Amino acid sequence: MNRAILLLVLAVLLVALVLSVLSDKETVAAPLSPNGHEVATVSDGDQQTWKTLIDQAAELGLPTRFLKTIPPEFVRFEFEDLRTYAAEYHPGEHRMVLNRTLSFNGAGATLQPLNRMTHKELATLFHEFFHAYLDFLAFDPAAIAEQTEGRALLQLARTYQQCRYQDVLITPVAQRRTETEQRYLSEQESWEVLNETWAVFVGWTVWTQLEVQGKGGVGKKSSDFSRAWLQRLRQSDKGADLRGYYQPEDPGERTVAQKRFLAPQYRISSKEVGALLRDVLGYPTELVRRSVEALEHNPSPIKGVNGCTTSP
């Protein structure tokens, strides 16, 4: 009888111990998709990572407006030994997969401080952060009903997806920019290519800002910054560097090319640049205006077969 009581006490203690361990790994409920399916589980550590990187980005003078819009519990961070890219964002699952080299001491546990990263690594991060932002806006439009800028950007994205990024020209061989083919993209492909076009610009903006500011910390409102910024913007536009890409849905086409790049004519337009600088990155009004004007003076990218008449 005494042995039975002893075993019962030990069982109770064991259950208590297990519950204690589980409570130490507390997670918040994952966000639900509009159809009610759970898509991710975000830990307390992920939430703290998001809050910390916003603080660190602000200290570096990097754009944080759009980052603050994303709830800390929305994005789940993971580290893997990525071979092709430094980071990958998986929309719908809300997973940010980072190369282990971006983790603290390469341990794959926490993100290393932003001030230890190269300009290229920071540009890559912000490219992926923008994917997370657009994923958040599209995830549940009702949740952003009171966010004027976010709602307007999502509306602009859907408009441009239809009028500019469905009937497009691509470069079958990325290195031969003058050789083009016409493609009519699916819903998924056109949304992806818009996503990538805008994310390319966001990453380029962060890299250019860091390069222009250098160690002197020149402010974005200074004339020196504006002059250097506008010069680089014109050069990148002229070189058609600011254009997107997509992964073909057709398995047969993917065996030929994992990515299809847009033709130079479909590089980002001045209206898109204005919306991103103003509503996403929070750049000074005067610099936004001059950036739009700088692109309008270059030979304009075609608007798309159907024409984009909606102003951001």
Protein backbone atom coordinates (compact mmCIF):
# COMPACT_ATOMS: atom_id res chain seq x y z
CA MET A 1 0.00 0.00 0.00
CA ASN A 2 2.80 2.38 0.91
CA ARG A 3 4.52 1.55 -2.37
CA ALA A 4 1.37 2.39 -4.35
CA ILE A 5 1.13 5.77 -2.62
CA LEU A 6 4.80 6.44 -3.31
CA LEU A 7 4.36 5.65 -7.02
CA LEU A 8 1.33 7.95 -7.16
CA VAL A 9 3.29 10.81 -5.59
CA LEU A 10 6.16 10.27 -8.02
CA ALA A 11 3.73 10.31 -10.96
CA VAL A 12 2.22 13.60 -9.76
CA LEU A 13 5.66 15.14 -9.37
CA LEU A 14 6.63 13.97 -12.86
CA VAL A 15 3.52 15.54 -14.40
CA ALA A 16 4.22 18.78 -12.54
CA LEU A 17 7.78 18.80 -13.85
CA VAL A 18 6.65 18.30 -17.45
CA LEU A 19 4.09 21.10 -17.16
CA SER A 20 6.75 23.37 -15.72
CA VAL A 21 9.09 22.74 -18.67
CA LEU A 22 6.32 23.36 -21.17
CA SER A 23 5.34 26.63 -19.50
CA ASP A 24 8.93 27.87 -19.89
CA LYS A 25 8.51 27.49 -23.67
CA GLU A 26 5.32 29.44 -23.82
CA THR A 27 4.15 30.46 -27.28
CA VAL A 28 1.32 32.65 -28.49
CA ALA A 29 -1.44 31.31 -30.64
CA ALA A 30 -0.56 31.47 -34.29
CA PRO A 31 -2.47 33.89 -36.49
CA LEU A 32 -5.28 32.27 -38.41
CA SER A 33 -5.74 32.67 -42.11
CA PRO A 34 -9.11 34.00 -43.30
CA ASN A 35 -10.22 30.38 -43.81
CA GLY A 36 -9.47 29.63 -40.18
CA HIS A 37 -6.34 27.50 -40.59
CA GLU A 38 -3.39 27.96 -38.29
CA VAL A 39 -0.30 28.89 -40.27
CA ALA A 40 2.53 29.45 -37.79
CA THR A 41 3.51 29.37 -34.16
CA VAL A 42 5.44 32.39 -32.92
CA SER A 43 7.47 32.14 -29.74
CA ASP A 44 8.17 34.82 -27.18
CA GLY A 45 11.72 34.86 -28.55
CA ASP A 46 10.46 35.67 -32.05
CA GLN A 47 8.41 38.55 -30.69
CA GLN A 48 11.40 39.90 -28.80
CA THR A 49 13.56 39.54 -31.93
CA TRP A 50 11.10 41.67 -33.91
CA LYS A 51 11.00 44.38 -31.24
CA THR A 52 14.78 44.39 -30.88
CA LEU A 53 15.50 44.67 -34.60
CA ILE A 54 13.12 47.64 -34.85
CA ASP A 55 15.03 49.40 -32.06
CA GLN A 56 18.37 48.58 -33.67
CA ALA A 57 17.17 49.72 -37.11
CA ALA A 58 16.06 53.03 -35.61
CA GLU A 59 19.48 53.50 -34.02
CA LEU A 60 21.07 53.03 -37.45
CA GLY A 61 18.67 55.55 -39.00
CA LEU A 62 17.03 52.87 -41.16
CA PRO A 63 13.32 52.89 -42.10
CA THR A 64 11.10 51.49 -39.36
CA ARG A 65 7.64 52.84 -40.18
CA PHE A 66 6.49 49.74 -42.01
CA LEU A 67 8.20 47.42 -39.52
CA LYS A 68 6.21 48.93 -36.65
CA THR A 69 2.99 48.14 -38.52
CA ILE A 70 3.66 44.40 -38.41
CA PRO A 71 2.57 42.84 -35.08
CA PRO A 72 5.49 41.21 -33.19
CA GLU A 73 3.59 37.92 -33.16
CA PHE A 74 3.20 37.79 -36.95
CA VAL A 75 6.64 36.63 -38.12
CA ARG A 76 8.40 33.43 -37.07
CA PHE A 77 12.21 33.36 -37.36
CA GLU A 78 14.22 30.29 -38.31
CA PHE A 79 17.90 29.72 -39.14
CA GLU A 80 19.12 27.25 -41.73
CA ASP A 81 22.21 26.61 -43.81
CA LEU A 82 20.92 28.35 -46.93
CA ARG A 83 23.08 27.85 -50.00
CA THR A 84 21.45 30.13 -52.57
CA TYR A 85 20.12 33.11 -50.62
CA ALA A 86 20.98 34.84 -47.35
CA ALA A 87 17.31 34.97 -46.39
CA GLU A 88 13.94 33.69 -47.58
CA TYR A 89 10.47 34.79 -46.53
CA HIS A 90 7.60 32.35 -46.94
CA PRO A 91 4.31 34.25 -47.30
CA GLY A 92 1.21 32.60 -45.94
CA GLU A 93 3.33 30.69 -43.42
CA HIS A 94 4.82 33.98 -42.15
CA ARG A 95 8.23 32.30 -41.82
CA MET A 96 11.46 34.29 -42.08
CA VAL A 97 14.23 31.80 -42.83
CA LEU A 98 17.71 33.29 -42.38
CA ASN A 99 21.13 31.90 -43.12
CA ARG A 100 22.96 30.83 -40.00
CA THR A 101 25.66 33.37 -40.86
CA LEU A 102 23.17 36.08 -39.86
CA SER A 103 22.77 34.59 -36.39
CA PHE A 104 24.74 35.60 -33.32
CA ASN A 105 28.12 33.81 -33.47
CA GLY A 106 26.67 31.61 -36.22
CA ALA A 107 24.89 29.52 -33.60
CA GLY A 108 21.50 29.69 -35.30
CA ALA A 109 19.69 30.81 -32.15
CA THR A 110 19.22 34.58 -32.30
CA LEU A 111 19.74 37.30 -34.89
CA GLN A 112 23.08 39.03 -34.63
CA PRO A 113 22.99 42.80 -33.94
CA LEU A 114 22.24 44.85 -37.05
CA ASN A 115 25.27 47.08 -36.49
CA ARG A 116 27.51 44.04 -37.09
CA MET A 117 26.02 43.32 -40.50
CA THR A 118 27.33 44.51 -43.84
CA HIS A 119 25.35 46.94 -45.98
CA LYS A 120 24.52 44.10 -48.36
CA GLU A 121 23.22 41.90 -45.53
CA LEU A 122 21.04 44.72 -44.20
CA ALA A 123 19.67 45.36 -47.69
CA THR A 124 18.80 41.67 -47.98
CA LEU A 125 17.05 41.71 -44.62
CA PHE A 126 14.94 44.71 -45.54
CA HIS A 127 14.10 43.13 -48.88
CA GLU A 128 12.64 40.18 -46.94
CA PHE A 129 11.07 42.44 -44.30
CA PHE A 130 9.09 44.12 -47.06
CA HIS A 131 7.80 40.73 -48.18
CA ALA A 132 6.58 40.22 -44.60
CA TYR A 133 4.91 43.64 -44.66
CA LEU A 134 3.01 43.00 -47.88
CA ASP A 135 2.12 39.53 -46.61
CA PHE A 136 0.67 41.13 -43.48
CA LEU A 137 -1.36 43.65 -45.48
CA ALA A 138 -2.78 40.94 -47.76
CA PHE A 139 -3.25 38.37 -44.99
CA ASP A 140 -6.39 39.87 -43.50
CA PRO A 141 -7.47 43.19 -45.08
CA ALA A 142 -10.06 43.70 -42.33
CA ALA A 143 -7.25 43.92 -39.77
CA ILE A 144 -5.77 46.99 -41.50
CA ALA A 145 -9.07 48.83 -41.96
CA GLU A 146 -7.86 51.74 -39.82
CA GLN A 147 -4.36 51.86 -41.33
CA THR A 148 -4.74 54.42 -44.08
CA GLU A 149 -1.26 54.03 -45.58
CA GLY A 150 -1.30 50.23 -45.46
CA ARG A 151 -4.76 50.03 -46.98
CA ALA A 152 -3.82 52.46 -49.76
CA LEU A 153 -0.61 50.55 -50.53
CA LEU A 154 -2.44 47.23 -50.76
CA GLN A 155 -5.00 48.79 -53.10
CA LEU A 156 -2.20 50.21 -55.24
CA ALA A 157 -0.47 46.81 -55.30
CA ARG A 158 -3.62 45.03 -56.47
CA THR A 159 -4.19 47.67 -59.14
CA TYR A 160 -0.66 47.47 -60.49
CA GLN A 161 -0.71 43.69 -60.33
CA GLN A 162 -3.55 43.71 -62.84
CA CYS A 163 -2.63 46.63 -65.08
CA ARG A 164 1.16 46.37 -65.19
CA TYR A 165 2.44 43.00 -64.03
CA GLN A 166 0.24 40.48 -65.82
CA ASP A 167 0.93 41.09 -69.50
CA VAL A 168 4.71 41.57 -69.48
CA LEU A 169 7.95 41.12 -71.33
CA ILE A 170 10.70 38.97 -69.84
CA THR A 171 14.34 38.35 -70.70
CA PRO A 172 14.68 34.58 -71.31
CA VAL A 173 18.43 34.96 -70.77
CA ALA A 174 19.00 37.41 -67.92
CA GLN A 175 22.31 38.61 -69.33
CA ARG A 176 20.78 39.47 -72.72
CA ARG A 177 18.48 42.30 -71.78
CA THR A 178 17.57 43.26 -75.33
CA GLU A 179 16.16 39.81 -76.13
CA THR A 180 12.61 39.63 -74.80
CA GLU A 181 9.57 37.39 -74.87
CA GLN A 182 5.98 38.16 -73.96
CA ARG A 183 4.31 36.39 -71.05
CA TYR A 184 0.82 36.56 -69.59
CA LEU A 185 1.34 35.81 -65.93
CA SER A 186 -1.03 33.98 -63.61
CA GLU A 187 -2.45 35.55 -60.46
CA GLN A 188 0.30 33.98 -58.37
CA GLU A 189 3.09 34.92 -60.77
CA SER A 190 1.94 38.54 -61.20
CA TRP A 191 1.62 39.00 -57.43
CA GLU A 192 5.07 37.52 -56.91
CA VAL A 193 6.71 39.68 -59.57
CA LEU A 194 5.16 42.85 -58.11
CA ASN A 195 6.27 41.73 -54.66
CA GLU A 196 9.82 41.18 -55.86
CA THR A 197 9.97 44.41 -57.86
CA TRP A 198 8.97 46.46 -54.84
CA ALA A 199 11.20 44.48 -52.46
CA VAL A 200 14.17 44.96 -54.80
CA PHE A 201 13.62 48.71 -54.55
CA VAL A 202 13.29 48.63 -50.76
CA GLY A 203 16.52 46.66 -50.44
CA TRP A 204 18.24 48.98 -52.90
CA THR A 205 17.05 52.00 -50.91
CA VAL A 206 18.51 50.68 -47.66
CA TRP A 207 21.82 49.77 -49.30
CA THR A 208 22.06 53.14 -51.06
CA GLN A 209 21.24 55.05 -47.89
CA LEU A 210 23.96 53.25 -45.95
CA GLU A 211 26.49 53.72 -48.75
CA VAL A 212 25.72 57.43 -49.14
CA GLN A 213 25.67 58.18 -45.44
CA GLY A 214 28.86 56.24 -44.81
CA LYS A 215 30.53 56.77 -41.49
CA GLY A 216 29.66 60.46 -41.45
CA GLY A 217 26.00 59.84 -40.77
CA VAL A 218 24.76 62.42 -43.30
CA GLY A 219 21.06 63.06 -42.74
CA LYS A 220 18.48 62.30 -45.44
CA LYS A 221 17.39 65.94 -45.47
CA SER A 222 20.85 67.29 -46.29
CA SER A 223 21.67 68.55 -49.78
CA ASP A 224 24.73 66.27 -49.97
CA PHE A 225 22.60 63.20 -49.32
CA SER A 226 19.95 64.26 -51.85
CA ARG A 227 22.52 64.92 -54.56
CA ALA A 228 24.25 61.56 -54.13
CA TRP A 229 20.96 59.71 -53.69
CA LEU A 230 19.41 61.12 -56.87
CA GLN A 231 22.53 60.40 -58.88
CA ARG A 232 22.51 56.74 -57.83
CA LEU A 233 18.77 56.49 -58.46
CA ARG A 234 19.15 57.78 -62.02
CA GLN A 235 22.02 55.39 -62.69
CA SER A 236 20.12 52.38 -61.35
CA ASP A 237 17.03 53.31 -63.34
CA LYS A 238 19.03 53.80 -66.53
CA GLY A 239 20.70 50.45 -65.99
CA ALA A 240 17.30 48.80 -65.35
CA ASP A 241 18.60 47.41 -62.06
CA LEU A 242 15.29 47.98 -60.30
CA ARG A 243 13.19 45.26 -61.89
CA GLY A 244 11.57 42.18 -60.47
CA TYR A 245 11.43 38.47 -61.16
CA TYR A 246 9.22 35.49 -60.48
CA GLN A 247 9.34 31.72 -60.31
CA PRO A 248 7.33 30.14 -63.15
CA GLU A 249 4.36 28.08 -62.02
CA ASP A 250 4.79 25.64 -64.88
CA PRO A 251 7.09 22.77 -63.76
CA GLY A 252 8.42 22.36 -67.28
CA GLU A 253 9.48 25.99 -67.49
CA ARG A 254 11.11 25.76 -64.05
CA THR A 255 13.42 23.06 -65.39
CA VAL A 256 14.71 25.67 -67.84
CA ALA A 257 14.86 28.63 -65.43
CA GLN A 258 14.10 28.89 -61.72
CA LYS A 259 13.64 32.65 -62.13
CA ARG A 260 12.27 34.78 -64.93
CA PHE A 261 13.42 38.41 -64.90
CA LEU A 262 11.28 41.20 -66.29
CA ALA A 263 12.55 43.07 -69.33
CA PRO A 264 14.09 46.51 -68.71
CA GLN A 265 10.89 48.19 -69.93
CA TYR A 266 9.13 46.75 -66.89
CA ARG A 267 11.47 48.19 -64.28
CA ILE A 268 9.81 49.98 -61.39
CA SER A 269 7.94 53.16 -62.35
CA SER A 270 8.16 56.63 -60.80
CA LYS A 271 4.69 56.35 -59.24
CA GLU A 272 5.61 53.11 -57.51
CA VAL A 273 8.85 54.62 -56.24
CA GLY A 274 6.97 57.61 -54.87
CA ALA A 275 4.48 55.43 -53.00
CA LEU A 276 7.18 53.22 -51.48
CA LEU A 277 9.41 56.10 -50.39
CA ARG A 278 6.51 58.03 -48.91
CA ASP A 279 4.16 55.43 -47.42
CA VAL A 280 6.51 52.55 -46.59
CA LEU A 281 9.95 54.00 -45.94
CA GLY A 282 8.90 57.39 -44.58
CA TYR A 283 11.39 59.44 -46.61
CA PRO A 284 11.29 63.27 -46.48
CA THR A 285 8.59 64.76 -48.71
CA GLU A 286 11.00 66.88 -50.75
CA LEU A 287 13.29 63.94 -51.48
CA VAL A 288 10.29 61.84 -52.53
CA ARG A 289 9.19 64.57 -54.93
CA ARG A 290 12.65 64.96 -56.45
CA SER A 291 13.05 61.18 -56.78
CA VAL A 292 9.82 60.91 -58.74
CA GLU A 293 10.84 63.81 -60.97
CA ALA A 294 14.27 62.27 -61.57
CA LEU A 295 12.70 59.08 -62.91
CA GLU A 296 10.16 60.95 -65.00
CA HIS A 297 12.99 62.69 -66.84
CA ASN A 298 14.46 59.34 -67.87
CA PRO A 299 12.81 57.39 -70.70
CA SER A 300 9.73 56.11 -68.89
CA PRO A 301 9.10 52.39 -68.49
CA ILE A 302 6.01 51.29 -70.39
CA LYS A 303 2.89 51.28 -68.27
CA GLY A 304 1.71 47.88 -69.34
CA VAL A 305 -0.58 46.78 -72.11
CA ASN A 306 -3.71 47.73 -70.17
CA GLY A 307 -2.24 50.99 -68.87
CA CYS A 308 -1.98 52.06 -65.21
CA THR A 309 -3.92 55.25 -64.76
CA THR A 310 -4.40 55.08 -60.97
CA SER A 311 -2.18 57.51 -59.09
CA PRO A 312 -0.75 56.41 -55.73
